[in-house]
């Protein structure tokens, strides 16, 4: 299999050559990273057209990061025995700021408030303060990177609402899937829709070891292909018809960039890796022209800024931009 064929298989598997419905996209891509919800929604829109967020939730999943996924997949993502990437303040156990008993008290208070329709973070914090939460206790309970809210999400009592402002909802009742069947199902989705991919790619994506990935490969109906001495694994998805698209505006933290080991990319020349994967952990929204990253973009109001990494046909980029955002009045190429 040549490089172009691998790219087409990946693009097709990730629904970037032909649209699919929102639920299918979110399931096939193992959720979409959603620290910045606007990026996740853009990633959906370029794959599904009109985005329908009904039936979707946000919570911490792969690699302990915030993802947008289907509520019916809660048993899969919150499977039994998973590694959580948690600090002590992200659990219901005692930590440096608060005892387990006090955490349990405030946990019940928060869940009860959400059940009564008090959903926003600041309103919940005010309720806890009124109930006696001290300043030191608040450092744990409302830690900006997790805290008690994360503990409640990790245990399936709450999940985030799909909106920019932090708000929560009661999780639907579910029974977590056992660890091995759950991880194997996620691996099946990965090698079907991210493949062809290397063992190293999958280990990065799932935050696990290459040894573990190899055990999954033994249990999955994978095929192999070799490119430049590296072995790539995939499960045939039957979506191989197509050509490299003229131009694509990927989302920030897009799965096409984030789904593989970050020190190299088949779509991105090595000299430009840090332009997309910067050192602060941000994955910028890339622009693909005929299967190669040529720059990245930023949209503010009616102004689109395009930071080019190499010379290319700016007219085709502008045409694609106007087809995505008909309100744009200005495009600056830098």
C-alpha atoms as a PDB file:
ATOM      1  CA  UNK A   1       0.000   0.000   0.000  1.00  0.00           C
ATOM      2  CA  UNK A   2       1.474   3.365  -1.015  1.00  0.00           C
ATOM      3  CA  UNK A   3       1.336   6.560   1.075  1.00  0.00           C
ATOM      4  CA  UNK A   4      -1.621   8.019  -0.831  1.00  0.00           C
ATOM      5  CA  UNK A   5      -3.668   4.852  -0.275  1.00  0.00           C
ATOM      6  CA  UNK A   6      -3.012   4.959   3.464  1.00  0.00           C
ATOM      7  CA  UNK A   7      -4.044   8.607   3.609  1.00  0.00           C
ATOM      8  CA  UNK A   8      -7.260   7.892   1.691  1.00  0.00           C
ATOM      9  CA  UNK A   9      -8.119   4.977   3.990  1.00  0.00           C
ATOM     10  CA  UNK A  10      -7.627   7.183   7.048  1.00  0.00           C
ATOM     11  CA  UNK A  11      -9.611  10.070   5.600  1.00  0.00           C
ATOM     12  CA  UNK A  12     -12.434   7.758   4.528  1.00  0.00           C
ATOM     13  CA  UNK A  13     -12.480   5.928   7.851  1.00  0.00           C
ATOM     14  CA  UNK A  14     -12.753   9.239   9.676  1.00  0.00           C
ATOM     15  CA  UNK A  15     -15.650  10.338   7.424  1.00  0.00           C
ATOM     16  CA  UNK A  16     -13.708  13.150   5.779  1.00  0.00           C
ATOM     17  CA  UNK A  17     -14.400  11.966   2.221  1.00  0.00           C
ATOM     18  CA  UNK A  18     -18.134  11.317   2.571  1.00  0.00           C
ATOM     19  CA  UNK A  19     -20.435  12.515   5.373  1.00  0.00           C
ATOM     20  CA  UNK A  20     -22.057  10.332   8.012  1.00  0.00           C
ATOM     21  CA  UNK A  21     -24.576  11.147  10.732  1.00  0.00           C
ATOM     22  CA  UNK A  22     -23.368  12.657  14.004  1.00  0.00           C
ATOM     23  CA  UNK A  23     -23.857   9.544  16.117  1.00  0.00           C
ATOM     24  CA  UNK A  24     -21.929   7.389  13.635  1.00  0.00           C
ATOM     25  CA  UNK A  25     -19.041   9.851  13.482  1.00  0.00           C
ATOM     26  CA  UNK A  26     -18.745  10.146  17.265  1.00  0.00           C
ATOM     27  CA  UNK A  27     -18.886   6.380  17.768  1.00  0.00           C
ATOM     28  CA  UNK A  28     -16.422   5.541  14.985  1.00  0.00           C
ATOM     29  CA  UNK A  29     -13.888   8.140  16.121  1.00  0.00           C
ATOM     30  CA  UNK A  30     -13.964   7.002  19.791  1.00  0.00           C
ATOM     31  CA  UNK A  31     -15.377  10.391  20.723  1.00  0.00           C
ATOM     32  CA  UNK A  32     -13.899  13.786  19.879  1.00  0.00           C
ATOM     33  CA  UNK A  33     -11.551  15.682  22.158  1.00  0.00           C
ATOM     34  CA  UNK A  34     -13.538  18.584  23.610  1.00  0.00           C
ATOM     35  CA  UNK A  35     -11.547  20.750  25.992  1.00  0.00           C
ATOM     36  CA  UNK A  36     -12.621  23.459  23.542  1.00  0.00           C
ATOM     37  CA  UNK A  37     -16.152  22.557  22.503  1.00  0.00           C
ATOM     38  CA  UNK A  38     -16.046  24.761  19.391  1.00  0.00           C
ATOM     39  CA  UNK A  39     -13.253  22.569  17.999  1.00  0.00           C
ATOM     40  CA  UNK A  40     -15.209  19.379  18.624  1.00  0.00           C
ATOM     41  CA  UNK A  41     -18.306  20.823  16.962  1.00  0.00           C
ATOM     42  CA  UNK A  42     -16.281  21.942  13.940  1.00  0.00           C
ATOM     43  CA  UNK A  43     -14.733  18.474  13.732  1.00  0.00           C
ATOM     44  CA  UNK A  44     -18.259  17.070  13.653  1.00  0.00           C
ATOM     45  CA  UNK A  45     -19.520  19.575  11.101  1.00  0.00           C
ATOM     46  CA  UNK A  46     -16.846  18.741   8.504  1.00  0.00           C
ATOM     47  CA  UNK A  47     -17.763  15.066   8.859  1.00  0.00           C
ATOM     48  CA  UNK A  48     -21.518  15.179   9.358  1.00  0.00           C
ATOM     49  CA  UNK A  49     -22.694  18.467   7.888  1.00  0.00           C
ATOM     50  CA  UNK A  50     -25.410  19.747  10.195  1.00  0.00           C
ATOM     51  CA  UNK A  51     -24.502  18.788  13.760  1.00  0.00           C
ATOM     52  CA  UNK A  52     -27.098  17.361  16.111  1.00  0.00           C
ATOM     53  CA  UNK A  53     -25.797  17.131  19.681  1.00  0.00           C
ATOM     54  CA  UNK A  54     -28.876  15.358  21.025  1.00  0.00           C
ATOM     55  CA  UNK A  55     -27.801  12.200  22.818  1.00  0.00           C
ATOM     56  CA  UNK A  56     -24.207  13.403  23.269  1.00  0.00           C
ATOM     57  CA  UNK A  57     -22.375  14.090  26.533  1.00  0.00           C
ATOM     58  CA  UNK A  58     -18.955  15.336  27.617  1.00  0.00           C
ATOM     59  CA  UNK A  59     -16.690  13.622  30.104  1.00  0.00           C
ATOM     60  CA  UNK A  60     -13.102  12.508  30.702  1.00  0.00           C
ATOM     61  CA  UNK A  61     -12.200   9.445  28.603  1.00  0.00           C
ATOM     62  CA  UNK A  62      -9.153   8.574  26.455  1.00  0.00           C
ATOM     63  CA  UNK A  63      -5.863   9.617  28.057  1.00  0.00           C
ATOM     64  CA  UNK A  64      -7.860  11.257  30.855  1.00  0.00           C
ATOM     65  CA  UNK A  65      -8.929  14.142  28.575  1.00  0.00           C
ATOM     66  CA  UNK A  66     -12.344  15.690  27.973  1.00  0.00           C
ATOM     67  CA  UNK A  67     -14.238  14.097  25.081  1.00  0.00           C
ATOM     68  CA  UNK A  68     -17.593  14.445  23.360  1.00  0.00           C
ATOM     69  CA  UNK A  69     -19.277  11.057  22.883  1.00  0.00           C
ATOM     70  CA  UNK A  70     -22.619   9.282  22.721  1.00  0.00           C
ATOM     71  CA  UNK A  71     -24.440   8.847  26.021  1.00  0.00           C
ATOM     72  CA  UNK A  72     -25.158   5.232  25.100  1.00  0.00           C
ATOM     73  CA  UNK A  73     -21.380   4.655  25.094  1.00  0.00           C
ATOM     74  CA  UNK A  74     -21.043   5.568  28.779  1.00  0.00           C
ATOM     75  CA  UNK A  75     -20.705   1.847  29.684  1.00  0.00           C
ATOM     76  CA  UNK A  76     -17.848   1.627  27.176  1.00  0.00           C
ATOM     77  CA  UNK A  77     -15.853   4.732  28.079  1.00  0.00           C
ATOM     78  CA  UNK A  78     -16.488   4.401  31.811  1.00  0.00           C
ATOM     79  CA  UNK A  79     -15.713   0.708  31.723  1.00  0.00           C
ATOM     80  CA  UNK A  80     -14.734  -1.226  34.820  1.00  0.00           C
ATOM     81  CA  UNK A  81     -11.073  -1.274  35.809  1.00  0.00           C
ATOM     82  CA  UNK A  82      -9.931   1.467  33.462  1.00  0.00           C
ATOM     83  CA  UNK A  83      -6.903   3.634  34.149  1.00  0.00           C
ATOM     84  CA  UNK A  84      -8.167   7.051  35.086  1.00  0.00           C
ATOM     85  CA  UNK A  85      -5.113   9.371  35.054  1.00  0.00           C
ATOM     86  CA  UNK A  86      -6.447  10.756  38.339  1.00  0.00           C
ATOM     87  CA  UNK A  87      -4.966  12.839  41.126  1.00  0.00           C
ATOM     88  CA  UNK A  88      -6.222  12.318  44.681  1.00  0.00           C
ATOM     89  CA  UNK A  89      -8.419  15.417  44.429  1.00  0.00           C
ATOM     90  CA  UNK A  90     -10.139  13.858  41.397  1.00  0.00           C
ATOM     91  CA  UNK A  91     -11.378  10.946  43.513  1.00  0.00           C
ATOM     92  CA  UNK A  92     -13.769  10.481  46.434  1.00  0.00           C
ATOM     93  CA  UNK A  93     -10.833   9.672  48.710  1.00  0.00           C
ATOM     94  CA  UNK A  94      -9.237  12.021  51.233  1.00  0.00           C
ATOM     95  CA  UNK A  95      -6.665  14.455  49.887  1.00  0.00           C
ATOM     96  CA  UNK A  96      -4.541  17.297  51.240  1.00  0.00           C
ATOM     97  CA  UNK A  97      -7.517  19.664  51.408  1.00  0.00           C
ATOM     98  CA  UNK A  98     -10.509  17.627  52.560  1.00  0.00           C
ATOM     99  CA  UNK A  99     -11.532  14.319  54.157  1.00  0.00           C
ATOM    100  CA  UNK A 100     -13.378  11.542  52.352  1.00  0.00           C
ATOM    101  CA  UNK A 101     -16.390  12.042  54.616  1.00  0.00           C
ATOM    102  CA  UNK A 102     -16.676  15.722  53.735  1.00  0.00           C
ATOM    103  CA  UNK A 103     -16.265  14.912  50.048  1.00  0.00           C
ATOM    104  CA  UNK A 104     -19.101  12.402  50.265  1.00  0.00           C
ATOM    105  CA  UNK A 105     -21.301  15.032  51.915  1.00  0.00           C
ATOM    106  CA  UNK A 106     -20.690  17.637  49.211  1.00  0.00           C
ATOM    107  CA  UNK A 107     -20.941  15.005  46.466  1.00  0.00           C
ATOM    108  CA  UNK A 108     -24.494  14.171  47.535  1.00  0.00           C
ATOM    109  CA  UNK A 109     -25.284  17.873  47.833  1.00  0.00           C
ATOM    110  CA  UNK A 110     -24.082  18.566  44.272  1.00  0.00           C
ATOM    111  CA  UNK A 111     -25.854  15.590  42.714  1.00  0.00           C
ATOM    112  CA  UNK A 112     -29.084  16.545  44.469  1.00  0.00           C
ATOM    113  CA  UNK A 113     -28.790  20.126  43.211  1.00  0.00           C
ATOM    114  CA  UNK A 114     -28.171  19.009  39.616  1.00  0.00           C
ATOM    115  CA  UNK A 115     -31.171  16.676  39.830  1.00  0.00           C
ATOM    116  CA  UNK A 116     -33.243  19.724  40.849  1.00  0.00           C
ATOM    117  CA  UNK A 117     -32.061  21.663  37.780  1.00  0.00           C
ATOM    118  CA  UNK A 118     -29.202  23.671  39.307  1.00  0.00           C
ATOM    119  CA  UNK A 119     -26.621  22.774  36.699  1.00  0.00           C
ATOM    120  CA  UNK A 120     -23.972  25.503  36.330  1.00  0.00           C
ATOM    121  CA  UNK A 121     -20.643  25.237  38.100  1.00  0.00           C
ATOM    122  CA  UNK A 122     -20.736  28.626  39.840  1.00  0.00           C
ATOM    123  CA  UNK A 123     -24.250  28.014  41.169  1.00  0.00           C
ATOM    124  CA  UNK A 124     -23.153  24.641  42.555  1.00  0.00           C
ATOM    125  CA  UNK A 125     -20.114  26.238  44.144  1.00  0.00           C
ATOM    126  CA  UNK A 126     -22.352  28.821  45.824  1.00  0.00           C
ATOM    127  CA  UNK A 127     -24.550  26.042  47.227  1.00  0.00           C
ATOM    128  CA  UNK A 128     -21.506  24.297  48.706  1.00  0.00           C
ATOM    129  CA  UNK A 129     -20.210  27.538  50.215  1.00  0.00           C
ATOM    130  CA  UNK A 130     -23.602  28.142  51.813  1.00  0.00           C
ATOM    131  CA  UNK A 131     -23.465  24.584  53.207  1.00  0.00           C
ATOM    132  CA  UNK A 132     -20.145  25.281  54.916  1.00  0.00           C
ATOM    133  CA  UNK A 133     -17.458  24.548  52.313  1.00  0.00           C
ATOM    134  CA  UNK A 134     -14.272  26.237  53.479  1.00  0.00           C
ATOM    135  CA  UNK A 135     -11.806  28.021  51.223  1.00  0.00           C
ATOM    136  CA  UNK A 136      -9.264  25.212  51.552  1.00  0.00           C
ATOM    137  CA  UNK A 137     -11.899  22.551  50.846  1.00  0.00           C
ATOM    138  CA  UNK A 138     -12.924  24.453  47.707  1.00  0.00           C
ATOM    139  CA  UNK A 139      -9.418  24.014  46.276  1.00  0.00           C
ATOM    140  CA  UNK A 140     -10.189  20.306  46.029  1.00  0.00           C
ATOM    141  CA  UNK A 141     -13.915  20.259  45.351  1.00  0.00           C
ATOM    142  CA  UNK A 142     -13.813  22.859  42.559  1.00  0.00           C
ATOM    143  CA  UNK A 143     -10.293  22.416  41.238  1.00  0.00           C
ATOM    144  CA  UNK A 144     -10.255  23.921  37.697  1.00  0.00           C
ATOM    145  CA  UNK A 145      -8.824  20.709  36.188  1.00  0.00           C
ATOM    146  CA  UNK A 146     -11.188  18.259  37.855  1.00  0.00           C
ATOM    147  CA  UNK A 147     -11.787  17.956  41.568  1.00  0.00           C
ATOM    148  CA  UNK A 148     -15.033  16.569  42.959  1.00  0.00           C
ATOM    149  CA  UNK A 149     -16.897  17.251  39.710  1.00  0.00           C
ATOM    150  CA  UNK A 150     -14.480  14.951  37.916  1.00  0.00           C
ATOM    151  CA  UNK A 151     -14.854  12.305  40.614  1.00  0.00           C
ATOM    152  CA  UNK A 152     -18.620  12.391  40.107  1.00  0.00           C
ATOM    153  CA  UNK A 153     -18.178  12.130  36.340  1.00  0.00           C
ATOM    154  CA  UNK A 154     -15.663   9.296  36.658  1.00  0.00           C
ATOM    155  CA  UNK A 155     -18.091   7.330  38.826  1.00  0.00           C
ATOM    156  CA  UNK A 156     -20.974   7.908  36.411  1.00  0.00           C
ATOM    157  CA  UNK A 157     -23.113  10.122  38.629  1.00  0.00           C
ATOM    158  CA  UNK A 158     -22.719  13.280  36.522  1.00  0.00           C
ATOM    159  CA  UNK A 159     -21.587  14.212  33.042  1.00  0.00           C
ATOM    160  CA  UNK A 160     -21.032  17.557  31.350  1.00  0.00           C
ATOM    161  CA  UNK A 161     -23.730  19.145  29.254  1.00  0.00           C
ATOM    162  CA  UNK A 162     -22.741  19.802  25.650  1.00  0.00           C
ATOM    163  CA  UNK A 163     -22.224  23.554  25.890  1.00  0.00           C
ATOM    164  CA  UNK A 164     -19.357  26.001  26.361  1.00  0.00           C
ATOM    165  CA  UNK A 165     -20.353  27.191  29.830  1.00  0.00           C
ATOM    166  CA  UNK A 166     -19.596  24.576  32.465  1.00  0.00           C
ATOM    167  CA  UNK A 167     -22.821  22.828  33.427  1.00  0.00           C
ATOM    168  CA  UNK A 168     -23.719  19.277  34.341  1.00  0.00           C
ATOM    169  CA  UNK A 169     -26.480  16.723  34.085  1.00  0.00           C
ATOM    170  CA  UNK A 170     -27.335  13.460  35.807  1.00  0.00           C
ATOM    171  CA  UNK A 171     -25.879  10.504  33.935  1.00  0.00           C
ATOM    172  CA  UNK A 172     -28.422   8.013  32.633  1.00  0.00           C
ATOM    173  CA  UNK A 173     -28.242   4.737  34.523  1.00  0.00           C
ATOM    174  CA  UNK A 174     -25.763   2.295  32.999  1.00  0.00           C
ATOM    175  CA  UNK A 175     -23.749  -0.805  33.818  1.00  0.00           C
ATOM    176  CA  UNK A 176     -20.012  -0.473  33.047  1.00  0.00           C
ATOM    177  CA  UNK A 177     -18.638  -3.017  30.586  1.00  0.00           C
ATOM    178  CA  UNK A 178     -15.808  -5.239  31.821  1.00  0.00           C
ATOM    179  CA  UNK A 179     -12.364  -3.864  31.091  1.00  0.00           C
ATOM    180  CA  UNK A 180     -11.052  -6.239  28.428  1.00  0.00           C
ATOM    181  CA  UNK A 181     -14.189  -6.369  26.218  1.00  0.00           C
ATOM    182  CA  UNK A 182     -14.453  -2.571  26.436  1.00  0.00           C
ATOM    183  CA  UNK A 183     -10.848  -1.900  25.512  1.00  0.00           C
ATOM    184  CA  UNK A 184     -11.011  -4.417  22.701  1.00  0.00           C
ATOM    185  CA  UNK A 185     -14.114  -2.705  21.282  1.00  0.00           C
ATOM    186  CA  UNK A 186     -12.377   0.671  21.402  1.00  0.00           C
ATOM    187  CA  UNK A 187      -9.345  -0.876  19.697  1.00  0.00           C
ATOM    188  CA  UNK A 188     -11.638  -2.344  17.020  1.00  0.00           C
ATOM    189  CA  UNK A 189     -13.081   1.091  16.326  1.00  0.00           C
ATOM    190  CA  UNK A 190      -9.605   2.585  16.257  1.00  0.00           C
ATOM    191  CA  UNK A 191      -8.056   0.182  13.768  1.00  0.00           C
ATOM    192  CA  UNK A 192     -11.191   0.330  11.621  1.00  0.00           C
ATOM    193  CA  UNK A 193     -11.493   4.099  11.424  1.00  0.00           C
ATOM    194  CA  UNK A 194      -7.987   5.386  12.216  1.00  0.00           C
ATOM    195  CA  UNK A 195      -6.132   2.606  10.445  1.00  0.00           C
ATOM    196  CA  UNK A 196      -3.803   1.928   8.863  1.00  0.00           C
ATOM    197  CA  UNK A 197      -1.947   2.804  12.053  1.00  0.00           C
ATOM    198  CA  UNK A 198       1.145   1.527  13.847  1.00  0.00           C
ATOM    199  CA  UNK A 199       1.320  -0.104  17.249  1.00  0.00           C
ATOM    200  CA  UNK A 200       3.037   3.038  18.496  1.00  0.00           C
ATOM    201  CA  UNK A 201       0.161   5.181  17.174  1.00  0.00           C
ATOM    202  CA  UNK A 202      -2.454   3.135  19.042  1.00  0.00           C
ATOM    203  CA  UNK A 203      -0.393   3.089  22.242  1.00  0.00           C
ATOM    204  CA  UNK A 204      -0.244   6.892  22.184  1.00  0.00           C
ATOM    205  CA  UNK A 205      -3.947   7.277  21.371  1.00  0.00           C
ATOM    206  CA  UNK A 206      -5.096   5.057  24.233  1.00  0.00           C
ATOM    207  CA  UNK A 207      -2.377   6.071  26.678  1.00  0.00           C
ATOM    208  CA  UNK A 208      -1.227   2.482  27.067  1.00  0.00           C
ATOM    209  CA  UNK A 209       1.772   0.271  26.268  1.00  0.00           C
ATOM    210  CA  UNK A 210       2.742  -1.179  22.911  1.00  0.00           C
ATOM    211  CA  UNK A 211       2.676  -4.605  24.555  1.00  0.00           C
ATOM    212  CA  UNK A 212      -1.000  -4.101  25.387  1.00  0.00           C
ATOM    213  CA  UNK A 213      -1.799  -2.992  21.850  1.00  0.00           C
ATOM    214  CA  UNK A 214      -0.186  -6.159  20.491  1.00  0.00           C
ATOM    215  CA  UNK A 215      -2.522  -8.292  22.603  1.00  0.00           C
ATOM    216  CA  UNK A 216      -5.488  -6.482  21.045  1.00  0.00           C
ATOM    217  CA  UNK A 217      -4.130  -7.047  17.556  1.00  0.00           C
ATOM    218  CA  UNK A 218      -4.016 -10.787  18.186  1.00  0.00           C
ATOM    219  CA  UNK A 219      -7.753 -10.732  18.969  1.00  0.00           C
ATOM    220  CA  UNK A 220      -8.822  -8.481  16.079  1.00  0.00           C
ATOM    221  CA  UNK A 221      -9.287  -9.265  12.353  1.00  0.00           C
ATOM    222  CA  UNK A 222      -6.530  -6.887  11.267  1.00  0.00           C
ATOM    223  CA  UNK A 223      -4.649  -6.733   7.996  1.00  0.00           C
ATOM    224  CA  UNK A 224      -1.125  -5.394   7.619  1.00  0.00           C
ATOM    225  CA  UNK A 225       0.683  -3.151   5.187  1.00  0.00           C
ATOM    226  CA  UNK A 226       4.270  -1.893   5.205  1.00  0.00           C
ATOM    227  CA  UNK A 227       5.447   1.591   4.267  1.00  0.00           C
ATOM    228  CA  UNK A 228       9.052   2.769   4.579  1.00  0.00           C
ATOM    229  CA  UNK A 229       9.861  -0.215   6.794  1.00  0.00           C
ATOM    230  CA  UNK A 230       7.007   0.405   9.247  1.00  0.00           C
ATOM    231  CA  UNK A 231       4.088  -1.985   9.715  1.00  0.00           C
ATOM    232  CA  UNK A 232       0.599  -0.499   9.718  1.00  0.00           C
ATOM    233  CA  UNK A 233      -2.497  -2.365  10.898  1.00  0.00           C
ATOM    234  CA  UNK A 234      -6.093  -1.839   9.827  1.00  0.00           C
ATOM    235  CA  UNK A 235      -9.522  -3.440   9.742  1.00  0.00           C
ATOM    236  CA  UNK A 236     -11.185  -3.033   6.365  1.00  0.00           C
ATOM    237  CA  UNK A 237     -14.059  -0.531   6.520  1.00  0.00           C
ATOM    238  CA  UNK A 238     -15.055  -0.767   2.868  1.00  0.00           C
ATOM    239  CA  UNK A 239     -14.766   3.001   2.398  1.00  0.00           C
ATOM    240  CA  UNK A 240     -11.674   3.077   0.210  1.00  0.00           C
ATOM    241  CA  UNK A 241     -13.191   4.756  -2.847  1.00  0.00           C
ATOM    242  CA  UNK A 242     -12.173   8.362  -3.230  1.00  0.00           C
ATOM    243  CA  UNK A 243      -9.316  10.729  -3.837  1.00  0.00           C
ATOM    244  CA  UNK A 244      -7.410  13.113  -1.628  1.00  0.00           C
ATOM    245  CA  UNK A 245      -9.686  16.123  -1.025  1.00  0.00           C
ATOM    246  CA  UNK A 246      -8.875  19.465  -2.588  1.00  0.00           C
ATOM    247  CA  UNK A 247      -8.866  21.317   0.749  1.00  0.00           C
ATOM    248  CA  UNK A 248      -9.944  20.555   4.321  1.00  0.00           C
ATOM    249  CA  UNK A 249     -10.141  22.848   7.346  1.00  0.00           C
ATOM    250  CA  UNK A 250      -9.545  20.425  10.213  1.00  0.00           C
ATOM    251  CA  UNK A 251     -10.576  21.224  13.767  1.00  0.00           C
ATOM    252  CA  UNK A 252      -8.211  22.033  16.573  1.00  0.00           C
ATOM    253  CA  UNK A 253      -7.368  18.733  18.302  1.00  0.00           C
ATOM    254  CA  UNK A 254      -8.773  16.972  15.237  1.00  0.00           C
ATOM    255  CA  UNK A 255      -8.687  13.176  15.378  1.00  0.00           C
ATOM    256  CA  UNK A 256      -6.807  13.080  12.063  1.00  0.00           C
ATOM    257  CA  UNK A 257      -3.923  14.823  13.816  1.00  0.00           C
ATOM    258  CA  UNK A 258      -4.434  13.620  17.385  1.00  0.00           C
ATOM    259  CA  UNK A 259      -5.165   9.978  16.566  1.00  0.00           C
ATOM    260  CA  UNK A 260      -1.521   9.071  15.971  1.00  0.00           C
ATOM    261  CA  UNK A 261       1.852   9.335  17.703  1.00  0.00           C
ATOM    262  CA  UNK A 262       2.704  13.034  17.780  1.00  0.00           C
ATOM    263  CA  UNK A 263       6.387  13.008  16.831  1.00  0.00           C
ATOM    264  CA  UNK A 264       5.601  12.300  13.176  1.00  0.00           C
ATOM    265  CA  UNK A 265       2.628  12.405  10.835  1.00  0.00           C
ATOM    266  CA  UNK A 266       1.896  11.100   7.352  1.00  0.00           C
ATOM    267  CA  UNK A 267       0.027  14.348   6.676  1.00  0.00           C
ATOM    268  CA  UNK A 268       2.505  16.782   8.211  1.00  0.00           C
ATOM    269  CA  UNK A 269       6.169  17.340   7.255  1.00  0.00           C
ATOM    270  CA  UNK A 270       8.532  16.908  10.181  1.00  0.00           C
ATOM    271  CA  UNK A 271       9.827  20.471  10.005  1.00  0.00           C
ATOM    272  CA  UNK A 272       6.319  21.766  10.716  1.00  0.00           C
ATOM    273  CA  UNK A 273       5.372  19.444  13.605  1.00  0.00           C
ATOM    274  CA  UNK A 274       5.712  22.150  16.245  1.00  0.00           C
ATOM    275  CA  UNK A 275       3.581  24.550  14.206  1.00  0.00           C
ATOM    276  CA  UNK A 276       0.601  22.224  14.696  1.00  0.00           C
ATOM    277  CA  UNK A 277       1.587  20.381  17.912  1.00  0.00           C
ATOM    278  CA  UNK A 278       2.965  23.222  20.007  1.00  0.00           C
ATOM    279  CA  UNK A 279       4.912  22.760  23.225  1.00  0.00           C
ATOM    280  CA  UNK A 280       2.041  23.889  25.475  1.00  0.00           C
ATOM    281  CA  UNK A 281      -0.084  20.906  24.413  1.00  0.00           C
ATOM    282  CA  UNK A 282      -2.287  22.720  21.898  1.00  0.00           C
ATOM    283  CA  UNK A 283      -3.080  20.978  18.600  1.00  0.00           C
ATOM    284  CA  UNK A 284      -3.814  23.781  16.160  1.00  0.00           C
ATOM    285  CA  UNK A 285      -6.538  23.531  13.493  1.00  0.00           C
ATOM    286  CA  UNK A 286      -4.673  22.422  10.390  1.00  0.00           C
ATOM    287  CA  UNK A 287      -5.429  23.062   6.730  1.00  0.00           C
ATOM    288  CA  UNK A 288      -4.964  20.094   4.408  1.00  0.00           C
ATOM    289  CA  UNK A 289      -4.466  20.607   0.685  1.00  0.00           C
ATOM    290  CA  UNK A 290      -4.441  17.363  -1.308  1.00  0.00           C
ATOM    291  CA  UNK A 291      -3.591  15.401   1.824  1.00  0.00           C
ATOM    292  CA  UNK A 292      -0.761  17.577   3.150  1.00  0.00           C
ATOM    293  CA  UNK A 293      -0.835  20.150   5.950  1.00  0.00           C
ATOM    294  CA  UNK A 294       0.007  23.536   4.440  1.00  0.00           C
ATOM    295  CA  UNK A 295      -0.984  25.790   7.327  1.00  0.00           C
ATOM    296  CA  UNK A 296      -3.362  26.436  10.195  1.00  0.00           C
ATOM    297  CA  UNK A 297      -6.297  28.769  10.728  1.00  0.00           C
ATOM    298  CA  UNK A 298      -8.023  30.979  13.289  1.00  0.00           C
ATOM    299  CA  UNK A 299     -11.518  32.427  12.916  1.00  0.00           C
ATOM    300  CA  UNK A 300     -12.620  35.454  14.949  1.00  0.00           C
ATOM    301  CA  UNK A 301     -15.940  36.975  14.055  1.00  0.00           C
ATOM    302  CA  UNK A 302     -15.914  37.678  10.328  1.00  0.00           C
ATOM    303  CA  UNK A 303     -12.119  37.554   9.978  1.00  0.00           C
ATOM    304  CA  UNK A 304     -10.255  34.369   9.064  1.00  0.00           C
ATOM    305  CA  UNK A 305      -6.499  34.291   9.602  1.00  0.00           C
ATOM    306  CA  UNK A 306      -4.520  31.652   7.709  1.00  0.00           C
ATOM    307  CA  UNK A 307      -0.931  30.976   8.766  1.00  0.00           C
ATOM    308  CA  UNK A 308       0.777  29.305   5.803  1.00  0.00           C
ATOM    309  CA  UNK A 309       3.628  26.853   6.362  1.00  0.00           C
ATOM    310  CA  UNK A 310       4.517  26.578   2.683  1.00  0.00           C
ATOM    311  CA  UNK A 311       3.650  28.118  -0.657  1.00  0.00           C
ATOM    312  CA  UNK A 312       0.324  26.922  -2.046  1.00  0.00           C
ATOM    313  CA  UNK A 313      -2.726  27.986  -4.032  1.00  0.00           C
ATOM    314  CA  UNK A 314      -4.463  30.416  -1.678  1.00  0.00           C
ATOM    315  CA  UNK A 315      -7.460  30.726  -3.993  1.00  0.00           C
ATOM    316  CA  UNK A 316      -8.585  27.164  -3.291  1.00  0.00           C
ATOM    317  CA  UNK A 317      -8.182  27.741   0.458  1.00  0.00           C
ATOM    318  CA  UNK A 318     -10.322  30.878   0.193  1.00  0.00           C
ATOM    319  CA  UNK A 319     -13.004  29.030  -1.812  1.00  0.00           C
ATOM    320  CA  UNK A 320     -13.208  26.288   0.806  1.00  0.00           C
ATOM    321  CA  UNK A 321     -13.326  28.834   3.623  1.00  0.00           C
ATOM    322  CA  UNK A 322     -16.255  30.676   2.054  1.00  0.00           C
ATOM    323  CA  UNK A 323     -18.097  27.384   1.536  1.00  0.00           C
ATOM    324  CA  UNK A 324     -17.742  26.645   5.260  1.00  0.00           C
ATOM    325  CA  UNK A 325     -18.420  30.120   6.639  1.00  0.00           C
ATOM    326  CA  UNK A 326     -20.536  32.331   4.419  1.00  0.00           C
ATOM    327  CA  UNK A 327     -20.326  35.186   6.948  1.00  0.00           C
ATOM    328  CA  UNK A 328     -16.569  35.720   6.398  1.00  0.00           C
ATOM    329  CA  UNK A 329     -15.725  39.231   5.212  1.00  0.00           C
ATOM    330  CA  UNK A 330     -11.930  39.106   5.409  1.00  0.00           C
ATOM    331  CA  UNK A 331      -9.245  36.424   4.909  1.00  0.00           C
ATOM    332  CA  UNK A 332      -5.677  37.268   5.898  1.00  0.00           C
ATOM    333  CA  UNK A 333      -2.899  34.996   4.652  1.00  0.00           C
ATOM    334  CA  UNK A 334       0.271  35.200   6.739  1.00  0.00           C
END
